[in-house]
Amino acid sequence: MGRRLPVELGRITQDNVEQLRKINLACFPVQYQETYYKDVVTHDEGLCKFAYWDGFVVGAACARIEPLPDDSENQKQNHENASSSNSNNNGSGNKKQKNTESGTKKRIYIMTLGVLAAFRDREIGTQLIQSIFDHYEANKDSGEYKDVVEIVLHVQISNAAAIKFYTTRFGFEQGKMVENYYRRIDPPHCYKLFKKLT
């Protein structure tokens, strides 16, 4: 592993969302629909961040708050907005979630984490994910964050590096396998990774 490369984190906005498209195209063989990019800029700015090094965008993490679904609903909704995926894509596409009343249990869902190949193994992904945890900690007693009970993502079963990253660095647990989660890739199955917050 290379030396830690300190980066500056910045919000994703309507003015710079095209940079997110470039990161996604470079990191994942997946074509996200326009609704993905339109929705990302409406999510809490603390959950969707760019990583900047020397003024250049070198990575991005995108997450959202959504109602805590039952397993069948969760499996049905995920990845409907992407045409394909691979082991580097932790995302669920961008199936828009319905708003729920206060008091309904919610989760933070990590849609994507991508770092340009030349900047990997420099702890940039760690800094991006840590920023999501820090944002939750700073807001957990207010607004919709009061109802958040876990942080979740899905990882292709063959992506041992990503599974190790989340379980060893952030204490995620590996849940059950979800069959046929991805489209047009092999293997198509994934694991749910989760960390309880309450």
N, C-alpha and C. Protein backbone atom coordinates (compact mmCIF):
# COMPACT_ATOMS: atom_id res chain seq x y z
N MET A 1 0.84 -1.20 0.00
CA MET A 1 0.00 0.00 0.00
C MET A 1 0.87 1.24 0.00
N GLY A 2 0.51 2.23 -0.81
CA GLY A 2 1.26 3.46 -0.86
C GLY A 2 0.99 4.34 0.34
N ARG A 3 1.74 5.42 0.42
CA ARG A 3 1.56 6.35 1.52
C ARG A 3 0.20 7.04 1.41
N ARG A 4 -0.34 7.38 2.57
CA ARG A 4 -1.62 8.08 2.60
C ARG A 4 -1.49 9.41 1.86
N LEU A 5 -2.43 9.67 0.98
CA LEU A 5 -2.46 10.92 0.23
C LEU A 5 -3.60 11.77 0.76
N PRO A 6 -3.29 12.81 1.53
CA PRO A 6 -4.37 13.65 2.06
C PRO A 6 -5.10 14.35 0.92
N VAL A 7 -6.41 14.32 0.97
CA VAL A 7 -7.21 14.97 -0.06
C VAL A 7 -8.16 15.96 0.58
N GLU A 8 -8.63 16.89 -0.22
CA GLU A 8 -9.68 17.80 0.21
C GLU A 8 -11.01 17.23 -0.28
N LEU A 9 -12.02 17.34 0.55
CA LEU A 9 -13.34 16.84 0.19
C LEU A 9 -14.25 18.02 -0.14
N GLY A 10 -15.04 17.84 -1.18
CA GLY A 10 -15.95 18.90 -1.60
C GLY A 10 -17.29 18.34 -2.03
N ARG A 11 -18.30 19.14 -1.96
CA ARG A 11 -19.65 18.69 -2.27
C ARG A 11 -19.85 18.52 -3.77
N ILE A 12 -20.82 17.69 -4.11
CA ILE A 12 -21.22 17.49 -5.50
C ILE A 12 -22.44 18.36 -5.75
N THR A 13 -22.35 19.22 -6.75
CA THR A 13 -23.42 20.17 -7.04
C THR A 13 -23.82 20.08 -8.51
N GLN A 14 -24.85 20.82 -8.84
CA GLN A 14 -25.29 20.88 -10.23
C GLN A 14 -24.19 21.41 -11.14
N ASP A 15 -23.34 22.27 -10.59
CA ASP A 15 -22.29 22.89 -11.40
C ASP A 15 -21.12 21.96 -11.68
N ASN A 16 -20.91 20.94 -10.84
CA ASN A 16 -19.75 20.08 -11.05
C ASN A 16 -20.10 18.59 -11.20
N VAL A 17 -21.39 18.29 -11.34
CA VAL A 17 -21.81 16.89 -11.39
C VAL A 17 -21.23 16.15 -12.59
N GLU A 18 -20.85 16.88 -13.64
CA GLU A 18 -20.23 16.21 -14.79
C GLU A 18 -18.91 15.55 -14.41
N GLN A 19 -18.25 16.07 -13.39
CA GLN A 19 -17.03 15.42 -12.91
C GLN A 19 -17.35 14.05 -12.31
N LEU A 20 -18.51 13.93 -11.70
CA LEU A 20 -18.92 12.63 -11.18
C LEU A 20 -19.14 11.64 -12.31
N ARG A 21 -19.72 12.11 -13.39
CA ARG A 21 -19.92 11.25 -14.55
C ARG A 21 -18.57 10.72 -15.06
N LYS A 22 -17.56 11.60 -15.10
CA LYS A 22 -16.23 11.19 -15.57
C LYS A 22 -15.60 10.17 -14.63
N ILE A 23 -15.76 10.37 -13.32
CA ILE A 23 -15.24 9.40 -12.36
C ILE A 23 -15.92 8.05 -12.55
N ASN A 24 -17.23 8.06 -12.68
CA ASN A 24 -17.96 6.80 -12.85
C ASN A 24 -17.56 6.08 -14.13
N LEU A 25 -17.41 6.82 -15.21
CA LEU A 25 -17.01 6.20 -16.47
C LEU A 25 -15.61 5.61 -16.39
N ALA A 26 -14.73 6.26 -15.63
CA ALA A 26 -13.37 5.77 -15.49
C ALA A 26 -13.27 4.57 -14.55
N CYS A 27 -14.15 4.52 -13.56
CA CYS A 27 -14.05 3.48 -12.54
C CYS A 27 -14.93 2.27 -12.79
N PHE A 28 -16.07 2.47 -13.42
CA PHE A 28 -17.05 1.39 -13.58
C PHE A 28 -17.49 1.26 -15.04
N PRO A 29 -17.64 0.05 -15.53
CA PRO A 29 -18.23 -0.13 -16.86
C PRO A 29 -19.75 -0.10 -16.76
N VAL A 30 -20.26 1.01 -16.31
CA VAL A 30 -21.69 1.13 -16.06
C VAL A 30 -22.16 2.48 -16.55
N GLN A 31 -23.31 2.50 -17.19
CA GLN A 31 -23.90 3.74 -17.68
C GLN A 31 -25.09 4.09 -16.81
N TYR A 32 -24.89 5.04 -15.91
CA TYR A 32 -26.01 5.45 -15.08
C TYR A 32 -26.94 6.38 -15.85
N GLN A 33 -28.21 6.24 -15.61
CA GLN A 33 -29.19 7.09 -16.26
C GLN A 33 -29.12 8.51 -15.71
N GLU A 34 -29.71 9.43 -16.43
CA GLU A 34 -29.66 10.84 -16.03
C GLU A 34 -30.29 11.06 -14.66
N THR A 35 -31.28 10.25 -14.31
CA THR A 35 -31.93 10.43 -13.01
C THR A 35 -30.94 10.23 -11.87
N TYR A 36 -29.94 9.37 -12.07
CA TYR A 36 -28.91 9.17 -11.04
C TYR A 36 -28.22 10.49 -10.74
N TYR A 37 -27.77 11.18 -11.77
CA TYR A 37 -27.02 12.42 -11.58
C TYR A 37 -27.91 13.56 -11.10
N LYS A 38 -29.15 13.57 -11.54
CA LYS A 38 -30.08 14.60 -11.06
C LYS A 38 -30.38 14.41 -9.58
N ASP A 39 -30.50 13.16 -9.15
CA ASP A 39 -30.83 12.90 -7.76
C ASP A 39 -29.64 13.09 -6.83
N VAL A 40 -28.44 12.76 -7.29
CA VAL A 40 -27.25 12.89 -6.44
C VAL A 40 -27.10 14.31 -5.91
N VAL A 41 -27.37 15.31 -6.74
CA VAL A 41 -27.18 16.69 -6.30
C VAL A 41 -28.26 17.13 -5.32
N THR A 42 -29.31 16.34 -5.14
CA THR A 42 -30.35 16.68 -4.18
C THR A 42 -30.14 15.98 -2.84
N HIS A 43 -29.22 15.02 -2.79
CA HIS A 43 -28.96 14.32 -1.53
C HIS A 43 -28.18 15.23 -0.59
N ASP A 44 -28.20 14.89 0.69
CA ASP A 44 -27.46 15.64 1.69
C ASP A 44 -26.01 15.78 1.25
N GLU A 45 -25.51 17.01 1.26
CA GLU A 45 -24.15 17.26 0.76
C GLU A 45 -23.09 16.51 1.56
N GLY A 46 -23.40 16.13 2.79
CA GLY A 46 -22.44 15.37 3.59
C GLY A 46 -22.34 13.92 3.20
N LEU A 47 -23.25 13.46 2.35
CA LEU A 47 -23.26 12.05 1.94
C LEU A 47 -22.72 11.84 0.54
N CYS A 48 -22.55 12.90 -0.22
CA CYS A 48 -22.05 12.79 -1.60
C CYS A 48 -20.87 13.76 -1.74
N LYS A 49 -19.67 13.21 -1.87
CA LYS A 49 -18.47 14.03 -1.83
C LYS A 49 -17.49 13.67 -2.93
N PHE A 50 -16.78 14.69 -3.39
CA PHE A 50 -15.61 14.50 -4.24
C PHE A 50 -14.36 14.49 -3.37
N ALA A 51 -13.34 13.78 -3.83
CA ALA A 51 -12.00 13.87 -3.25
C ALA A 51 -11.13 14.63 -4.25
N TYR A 52 -10.52 15.71 -3.78
CA TYR A 52 -9.66 16.53 -4.63
C TYR A 52 -8.20 16.38 -4.21
N TRP A 53 -7.33 16.23 -5.18
CA TRP A 53 -5.90 16.28 -4.94
C TRP A 53 -5.30 17.27 -5.92
N ASP A 54 -4.62 18.27 -5.39
CA ASP A 54 -3.99 19.29 -6.22
C ASP A 54 -4.99 19.93 -7.19
N GLY A 55 -6.23 20.07 -6.73
CA GLY A 55 -7.25 20.73 -7.52
C GLY A 55 -8.00 19.84 -8.48
N PHE A 56 -7.61 18.57 -8.57
CA PHE A 56 -8.26 17.64 -9.50
C PHE A 56 -9.14 16.64 -8.75
N VAL A 57 -10.27 16.30 -9.33
CA VAL A 57 -11.14 15.27 -8.74
C VAL A 57 -10.52 13.91 -9.01
N VAL A 58 -10.23 13.17 -7.94
CA VAL A 58 -9.60 11.85 -8.07
C VAL A 58 -10.49 10.73 -7.54
N GLY A 59 -11.61 11.08 -6.94
CA GLY A 59 -12.51 10.05 -6.42
C GLY A 59 -13.82 10.67 -5.97
N ALA A 60 -14.77 9.80 -5.68
CA ALA A 60 -16.08 10.27 -5.22
C ALA A 60 -16.79 9.16 -4.46
N ALA A 61 -17.57 9.56 -3.50
CA ALA A 61 -18.46 8.65 -2.78
C ALA A 61 -19.85 9.24 -2.79
N CYS A 62 -20.84 8.40 -3.07
CA CYS A 62 -22.23 8.85 -3.10
C CYS A 62 -23.08 7.92 -2.25
N ALA A 63 -23.80 8.51 -1.32
CA ALA A 63 -24.70 7.75 -0.46
C ALA A 63 -26.00 8.51 -0.32
N ARG A 64 -26.99 7.86 0.25
CA ARG A 64 -28.29 8.50 0.43
C ARG A 64 -28.95 7.92 1.68
N ILE A 65 -29.91 8.64 2.20
CA ILE A 65 -30.76 8.12 3.26
C ILE A 65 -32.02 7.58 2.62
N GLU A 66 -32.43 6.39 3.03
CA GLU A 66 -33.63 5.78 2.47
C GLU A 66 -34.34 4.99 3.54
N PRO A 67 -35.63 4.72 3.36
CA PRO A 67 -36.35 3.89 4.31
C PRO A 67 -35.72 2.51 4.41
N LEU A 68 -35.80 1.92 5.57
CA LEU A 68 -35.27 0.58 5.78
C LEU A 68 -36.25 -0.41 5.17
N PRO A 69 -35.89 -1.02 4.02
CA PRO A 69 -36.85 -1.90 3.33
C PRO A 69 -36.79 -3.32 3.88
N ASP A 70 -37.83 -4.09 3.56
CA ASP A 70 -37.71 -5.52 3.84
C ASP A 70 -36.86 -6.13 2.74
N ASP A 71 -36.37 -7.34 2.94
CA ASP A 71 -35.40 -7.94 2.02
C ASP A 71 -35.92 -8.06 0.60
N SER A 72 -37.17 -8.46 0.45
CA SER A 72 -37.70 -8.67 -0.89
C SER A 72 -37.81 -7.35 -1.65
N GLU A 73 -38.22 -6.29 -0.96
CA GLU A 73 -38.33 -4.99 -1.60
C GLU A 73 -36.94 -4.47 -1.96
N ASN A 74 -35.98 -4.68 -1.05
CA ASN A 74 -34.63 -4.23 -1.29
C ASN A 74 -34.03 -4.86 -2.53
N GLN A 75 -34.16 -6.16 -2.65
CA GLN A 75 -33.57 -6.86 -3.79
C GLN A 75 -34.22 -6.43 -5.09
N LYS A 76 -35.51 -6.16 -5.05
CA LYS A 76 -36.24 -5.79 -6.26
C LYS A 76 -35.85 -4.40 -6.74
N GLN A 77 -35.53 -3.49 -5.82
CA GLN A 77 -35.28 -2.11 -6.18
C GLN A 77 -33.86 -1.85 -6.65
N ASN A 78 -32.91 -2.62 -6.16
CA ASN A 78 -31.51 -2.28 -6.41
C ASN A 78 -31.09 -2.52 -7.85
N HIS A 79 -30.23 -1.64 -8.31
CA HIS A 79 -29.59 -1.72 -9.63
C HIS A 79 -30.53 -1.58 -10.81
N GLU A 80 -31.67 -0.94 -10.64
CA GLU A 80 -32.58 -0.78 -11.76
C GLU A 80 -32.21 0.39 -12.65
N ASN A 81 -31.31 1.25 -12.19
CA ASN A 81 -30.99 2.43 -12.98
C ASN A 81 -29.64 2.35 -13.68
N ALA A 82 -28.96 1.22 -13.60
CA ALA A 82 -27.68 1.07 -14.28
C ALA A 82 -27.78 -0.03 -15.30
N SER A 83 -27.11 0.17 -16.44
CA SER A 83 -27.21 -0.82 -17.51
C SER A 83 -26.32 -2.02 -17.27
N SER A 84 -25.26 -1.86 -16.47
CA SER A 84 -24.40 -2.98 -16.12
C SER A 84 -23.61 -2.59 -14.89
N SER A 85 -22.80 -3.53 -14.37
CA SER A 85 -22.00 -3.24 -13.20
C SER A 85 -20.84 -4.19 -13.14
N ASN A 86 -19.92 -3.95 -12.19
CA ASN A 86 -18.85 -4.90 -11.96
C ASN A 86 -18.44 -4.87 -10.52
N SER A 87 -17.34 -5.54 -10.21
CA SER A 87 -16.95 -5.71 -8.82
C SER A 87 -16.52 -4.42 -8.16
N ASN A 88 -16.20 -3.38 -8.92
CA ASN A 88 -15.79 -2.12 -8.33
C ASN A 88 -16.98 -1.26 -7.95
N ASN A 89 -18.16 -1.61 -8.43
CA ASN A 89 -19.33 -0.77 -8.20
C ASN A 89 -20.11 -1.31 -7.03
N ASN A 90 -20.15 -0.52 -5.95
CA ASN A 90 -20.88 -0.93 -4.77
C ASN A 90 -22.31 -0.43 -4.80
N GLY A 91 -22.70 0.24 -5.88
CA GLY A 91 -23.94 1.00 -5.86
C GLY A 91 -25.17 0.20 -6.12
N SER A 92 -26.29 0.86 -5.88
CA SER A 92 -27.58 0.23 -6.10
C SER A 92 -28.29 0.85 -7.28
N GLY A 93 -27.58 1.60 -8.11
CA GLY A 93 -28.27 2.40 -9.10
C GLY A 93 -28.85 3.58 -8.37
N ASN A 94 -30.00 4.07 -8.80
CA ASN A 94 -30.57 5.22 -8.13
C ASN A 94 -32.08 5.15 -8.13
N LYS A 95 -32.62 4.03 -7.74
CA LYS A 95 -34.06 3.90 -7.59
C LYS A 95 -34.52 4.90 -6.54
N LYS A 96 -35.35 5.82 -6.91
CA LYS A 96 -35.75 6.89 -6.00
C LYS A 96 -36.64 6.34 -4.90
N GLN A 97 -36.35 6.75 -3.68
CA GLN A 97 -37.10 6.26 -2.53
C GLN A 97 -38.21 7.24 -2.17
N LYS A 98 -39.29 6.70 -1.69
CA LYS A 98 -40.39 7.55 -1.24
C LYS A 98 -40.04 8.14 0.11
N ASN A 99 -40.50 9.37 0.34
CA ASN A 99 -40.31 9.98 1.63
C ASN A 99 -41.17 9.27 2.66
N THR A 100 -40.66 9.21 3.87
CA THR A 100 -41.41 8.56 4.94
C THR A 100 -41.56 9.52 6.10
N GLU A 101 -42.53 9.24 6.95
CA GLU A 101 -42.77 10.08 8.10
C GLU A 101 -41.66 9.89 9.12
N SER A 102 -41.48 10.91 9.96
CA SER A 102 -40.50 10.83 11.02
C SER A 102 -40.82 9.65 11.92
N GLY A 103 -39.80 8.97 12.37
CA GLY A 103 -39.99 7.82 13.23
C GLY A 103 -39.85 6.51 12.51
N THR A 104 -39.91 6.53 11.18
CA THR A 104 -39.69 5.32 10.40
C THR A 104 -38.20 5.03 10.34
N LYS A 105 -37.81 3.80 10.59
CA LYS A 105 -36.40 3.45 10.57
C LYS A 105 -35.83 3.64 9.17
N LYS A 106 -34.60 4.14 9.13
CA LYS A 106 -33.94 4.43 7.86
C LYS A 106 -32.52 3.90 7.88
N ARG A 107 -31.89 3.96 6.72
CA ARG A 107 -30.51 3.54 6.61
C ARG A 107 -29.77 4.50 5.68
N ILE A 108 -28.47 4.55 5.83
CA ILE A 108 -27.62 5.22 4.85
C ILE A 108 -27.15 4.15 3.88
N TYR A 109 -27.44 4.35 2.61
CA TYR A 109 -27.05 3.38 1.59
C TYR A 109 -25.90 3.95 0.77
N ILE A 110 -24.75 3.27 0.78
CA ILE A 110 -23.61 3.69 -0.03
C ILE A 110 -23.82 3.20 -1.44
N MET A 111 -24.10 4.12 -2.35
CA MET A 111 -24.38 3.76 -3.73
C MET A 111 -23.11 3.43 -4.50
N THR A 112 -22.13 4.34 -4.44
CA THR A 112 -20.89 4.12 -5.16
C THR A 112 -19.71 4.71 -4.39
N LEU A 113 -18.58 4.07 -4.56
CA LEU A 113 -17.30 4.59 -4.10
C LEU A 113 -16.31 4.31 -5.21
N GLY A 114 -15.76 5.35 -5.81
CA GLY A 114 -14.83 5.18 -6.92
C GLY A 114 -13.62 6.08 -6.77
N VAL A 115 -12.45 5.51 -7.01
CA VAL A 115 -11.19 6.27 -6.99
C VAL A 115 -10.44 5.94 -8.28
N LEU A 116 -9.92 6.96 -8.94
CA LEU A 116 -9.18 6.74 -10.17
C LEU A 116 -8.02 5.78 -9.93
N ALA A 117 -7.75 4.93 -10.92
CA ALA A 117 -6.78 3.84 -10.76
C ALA A 117 -5.41 4.34 -10.29
N ALA A 118 -4.96 5.47 -10.81
CA ALA A 118 -3.64 5.98 -10.46
C ALA A 118 -3.54 6.44 -9.01
N PHE A 119 -4.68 6.59 -8.34
CA PHE A 119 -4.70 7.11 -6.97
C PHE A 119 -5.19 6.08 -5.96
N ARG A 120 -5.32 4.84 -6.37
CA ARG A 120 -5.78 3.82 -5.44
C ARG A 120 -4.64 3.40 -4.50
N ASP A 121 -5.02 2.75 -3.41
CA ASP A 121 -4.07 2.32 -2.38
C ASP A 121 -3.37 3.50 -1.72
N ARG A 122 -4.05 4.65 -1.69
CA ARG A 122 -3.52 5.84 -1.01
C ARG A 122 -4.49 6.32 0.05
N GLU A 123 -5.41 5.46 0.44
CA GLU A 123 -6.38 5.72 1.51
C GLU A 123 -7.38 6.82 1.16
N ILE A 124 -7.57 7.06 -0.13
CA ILE A 124 -8.57 8.06 -0.53
C ILE A 124 -9.97 7.53 -0.29
N GLY A 125 -10.20 6.26 -0.62
CA GLY A 125 -11.50 5.65 -0.33
C GLY A 125 -11.80 5.67 1.15
N THR A 126 -10.79 5.42 1.96
CA THR A 126 -10.96 5.46 3.41
C THR A 126 -11.41 6.84 3.87
N GLN A 127 -10.79 7.88 3.34
CA GLN A 127 -11.15 9.24 3.73
C GLN A 127 -12.57 9.59 3.30
N LEU A 128 -12.97 9.11 2.13
CA LEU A 128 -14.33 9.38 1.66
C LEU A 128 -15.37 8.69 2.52
N ILE A 129 -15.16 7.41 2.81
CA ILE A 129 -16.13 6.69 3.64
C ILE A 129 -16.13 7.23 5.06
N GLN A 130 -14.95 7.56 5.59
CA GLN A 130 -14.90 8.13 6.94
C GLN A 130 -15.68 9.43 7.02
N SER A 131 -15.68 10.20 5.94
CA SER A 131 -16.42 11.46 5.94
C SER A 131 -17.93 11.22 6.07
N ILE A 132 -18.41 10.11 5.52
CA ILE A 132 -19.83 9.77 5.66
C ILE A 132 -20.14 9.43 7.11
N PHE A 133 -19.27 8.63 7.75
CA PHE A 133 -19.47 8.31 9.16
C PHE A 133 -19.40 9.57 10.01
N ASP A 134 -18.44 10.45 9.73
CA ASP A 134 -18.31 11.68 10.50
C ASP A 134 -19.55 12.56 10.36
N HIS A 135 -20.09 12.63 9.15
CA HIS A 135 -21.29 13.42 8.93
C HIS A 135 -22.47 12.85 9.71
N TYR A 136 -22.58 11.54 9.72
CA TYR A 136 -23.65 10.92 10.51
C TYR A 136 -23.48 11.24 11.99
N GLU A 137 -22.28 11.09 12.51
CA GLU A 137 -22.04 11.34 13.94
C GLU A 137 -22.38 12.77 14.32
N ALA A 138 -22.10 13.71 13.42
CA ALA A 138 -22.37 15.12 13.71
C ALA A 138 -23.85 15.46 13.65
N ASN A 139 -24.65 14.60 13.01
CA ASN A 139 -26.06 14.92 12.79
C ASN A 139 -27.02 13.87 13.33
N LYS A 140 -26.52 12.88 14.06
CA LYS A 140 -27.35 11.74 14.42
C LYS A 140 -28.50 12.07 15.37
N ASP A 141 -28.45 13.22 16.01
CA ASP A 141 -29.52 13.58 16.94
C ASP A 141 -30.50 14.58 16.35
N SER A 142 -30.41 14.82 15.05
CA SER A 142 -31.29 15.82 14.44
C SER A 142 -31.85 15.32 13.13
N GLY A 143 -33.01 15.89 12.76
CA GLY A 143 -33.62 15.60 11.46
C GLY A 143 -33.83 14.13 11.21
N GLU A 144 -33.71 13.74 9.95
CA GLU A 144 -33.96 12.35 9.59
C GLU A 144 -32.85 11.42 10.06
N TYR A 145 -31.71 11.97 10.44
CA TYR A 145 -30.62 11.12 10.93
C TYR A 145 -30.98 10.44 12.25
N LYS A 146 -31.93 11.00 12.99
CA LYS A 146 -32.35 10.38 14.24
C LYS A 146 -32.90 8.98 14.02
N ASP A 147 -33.44 8.74 12.83
CA ASP A 147 -34.08 7.46 12.54
C ASP A 147 -33.17 6.48 11.80
N VAL A 148 -31.92 6.88 11.53
CA VAL A 148 -30.98 6.00 10.81
C VAL A 148 -30.44 4.95 11.77
N VAL A 149 -30.54 3.69 11.38
CA VAL A 149 -30.12 2.59 12.26
C VAL A 149 -28.95 1.80 11.70
N GLU A 150 -28.61 1.97 10.42
CA GLU A 150 -27.50 1.21 9.86
C GLU A 150 -26.96 1.88 8.60
N ILE A 151 -25.75 1.50 8.24
CA ILE A 151 -25.15 1.87 6.96
C ILE A 151 -24.95 0.59 6.16
N VAL A 152 -25.31 0.62 4.88
CA VAL A 152 -25.38 -0.60 4.08
C VAL A 152 -24.78 -0.36 2.70
N LEU A 153 -24.25 -1.42 2.10
CA LEU A 153 -23.89 -1.42 0.69
C LEU A 153 -23.92 -2.85 0.20
N HIS A 154 -23.79 -3.03 -1.11
CA HIS A 154 -23.70 -4.36 -1.70
C HIS A 154 -22.40 -4.47 -2.47
N VAL A 155 -21.77 -5.64 -2.38
CA VAL A 155 -20.48 -5.89 -3.04
C VAL A 155 -20.54 -7.23 -3.74
N GLN A 156 -20.04 -7.27 -4.97
CA GLN A 156 -20.01 -8.53 -5.72
C GLN A 156 -19.23 -9.58 -4.94
N ILE A 157 -19.71 -10.82 -4.97
CA ILE A 157 -19.13 -11.87 -4.13
C ILE A 157 -17.67 -12.14 -4.46
N SER A 158 -17.23 -11.82 -5.66
CA SER A 158 -15.84 -12.06 -6.05
C SER A 158 -14.90 -10.92 -5.67
N ASN A 159 -15.44 -9.83 -5.14
CA ASN A 159 -14.63 -8.65 -4.83
C ASN A 159 -14.10 -8.74 -3.40
N ALA A 160 -13.12 -9.63 -3.21
CA ALA A 160 -12.57 -9.86 -1.88
C ALA A 160 -11.92 -8.61 -1.31
N ALA A 161 -11.30 -7.80 -2.16
CA ALA A 161 -10.62 -6.59 -1.68
C ALA A 161 -11.61 -5.60 -1.07
N ALA A 162 -12.76 -5.41 -1.73
CA ALA A 162 -13.76 -4.48 -1.20
C ALA A 162 -14.37 -5.01 0.09
N ILE A 163 -14.63 -6.31 0.13
CA ILE A 163 -15.18 -6.91 1.35
C ILE A 163 -14.22 -6.71 2.51
N LYS A 164 -12.93 -6.95 2.27
CA LYS A 164 -11.92 -6.76 3.31
C LYS A 164 -11.83 -5.30 3.73
N PHE A 165 -11.89 -4.40 2.76
CA PHE A 165 -11.82 -2.97 3.04
C PHE A 165 -12.90 -2.55 4.03
N TYR A 166 -14.13 -2.91 3.75
CA TYR A 166 -15.23 -2.47 4.60
C TYR A 166 -15.27 -3.20 5.93
N THR A 167 -14.95 -4.48 5.95
CA THR A 167 -15.05 -5.25 7.19
C THR A 167 -13.89 -4.97 8.15
N THR A 168 -12.69 -4.79 7.61
CA THR A 168 -11.54 -4.58 8.49
C THR A 168 -11.35 -3.12 8.87
N ARG A 169 -11.62 -2.21 7.95
CA ARG A 169 -11.37 -0.79 8.26
C ARG A 169 -12.54 -0.12 8.95
N PHE A 170 -13.74 -0.57 8.67
CA PHE A 170 -14.91 0.12 9.21
C PHE A 170 -15.85 -0.76 10.02
N GLY A 171 -15.51 -2.03 10.17
CA GLY A 171 -16.30 -2.90 11.03
C GLY A 171 -17.63 -3.33 10.47
N PHE A 172 -17.78 -3.32 9.15
CA PHE A 172 -19.00 -3.84 8.55
C PHE A 172 -19.07 -5.35 8.74
N GLU A 173 -20.27 -5.86 8.80
CA GLU A 173 -20.51 -7.30 8.84
C GLU A 173 -20.94 -7.77 7.46
N GLN A 174 -20.55 -8.99 7.14
CA GLN A 174 -20.96 -9.57 5.86
C GLN A 174 -22.26 -10.33 6.05
N GLY A 175 -23.29 -9.88 5.37
CA GLY A 175 -24.59 -10.51 5.47
C GLY A 175 -24.77 -11.61 4.44
N LYS A 176 -26.00 -11.93 4.18
CA LYS A 176 -26.29 -13.04 3.28
C LYS A 176 -26.03 -12.67 1.83
N MET A 177 -25.87 -13.69 1.03
CA MET A 177 -25.68 -13.48 -0.40
C MET A 177 -27.02 -13.17 -1.06
N VAL A 178 -27.00 -12.20 -1.97
CA VAL A 178 -28.18 -11.86 -2.76
C VAL A 178 -27.94 -12.37 -4.17
N GLU A 179 -28.73 -13.31 -4.61
CA GLU A 179 -28.53 -13.92 -5.91
C GLU A 179 -29.03 -13.02 -7.05
N ASN A 180 -28.30 -13.05 -8.15
CA ASN A 180 -28.68 -12.35 -9.38
C ASN A 180 -28.93 -10.86 -9.16
N TYR A 181 -28.08 -10.26 -8.36
CA TYR A 181 -28.20 -8.83 -8.06
C TYR A 181 -27.74 -7.97 -9.23
N TYR A 182 -26.64 -8.39 -9.86
CA TYR A 182 -26.08 -7.64 -10.98
C TYR A 182 -26.58 -8.19 -12.30
N ARG A 183 -26.57 -7.33 -13.31
CA ARG A 183 -27.00 -7.72 -14.64
C ARG A 183 -25.80 -7.85 -15.58
N ARG A 184 -25.80 -8.89 -16.36
CA ARG A 184 -24.83 -9.07 -17.43
C ARG A 184 -23.38 -9.10 -16.97
N ILE A 185 -23.13 -9.57 -15.76
CA ILE A 185 -21.76 -9.81 -15.32
C ILE A 185 -21.71 -11.14 -14.59
N ASP A 186 -20.53 -11.67 -14.46
CA ASP A 186 -20.34 -12.96 -13.81
C ASP A 186 -19.23 -12.84 -12.76
N PRO A 187 -19.48 -13.23 -11.51
CA PRO A 187 -20.76 -13.75 -11.02
C PRO A 187 -21.76 -12.61 -10.78
N PRO A 188 -23.05 -12.90 -10.88
CA PRO A 188 -24.06 -11.86 -10.73
C PRO A 188 -24.50 -11.63 -9.29
N HIS A 189 -23.93 -12.40 -8.37
CA HIS A 189 -24.40 -12.35 -6.98
C HIS A 189 -23.58 -11.36 -6.15
N CYS A 190 -24.15 -10.92 -5.05
CA CYS A 190 -23.44 -9.99 -4.17
C CYS A 190 -23.71 -10.35 -2.72
N TYR A 191 -22.89 -9.75 -1.87
CA TYR A 191 -23.12 -9.81 -0.43
C TYR A 191 -23.63 -8.45 0.03
N LYS A 192 -24.53 -8.47 0.98
CA LYS A 192 -24.90 -7.25 1.67
C LYS A 192 -23.91 -7.05 2.81
N LEU A 193 -23.30 -5.89 2.86
CA LEU A 193 -22.43 -5.51 3.97
C LEU A 193 -23.15 -4.43 4.77
N PHE A 194 -23.12 -4.55 6.08
CA PHE A 194 -23.87 -3.61 6.90
C PHE A 194 -23.15 -3.34 8.21
N LYS A 195 -23.44 -2.17 8.76
CA LYS A 195 -22.94 -1.81 10.08
C LYS A 195 -24.08 -1.16 10.85
N LYS A 196 -24.42 -1.76 11.97
CA LYS A 196 -25.47 -1.22 12.81
C LYS A 196 -24.97 0.03 13.53
N LEU A 197 -25.82 1.02 13.62
CA LEU A 197 -25.45 2.29 14.24
C LEU A 197 -26.12 2.51 15.58
N THR A 198 -27.09 1.68 15.91
CA THR A 198 -27.78 1.84 17.19
C THR A 198 -27.86 0.51 17.90
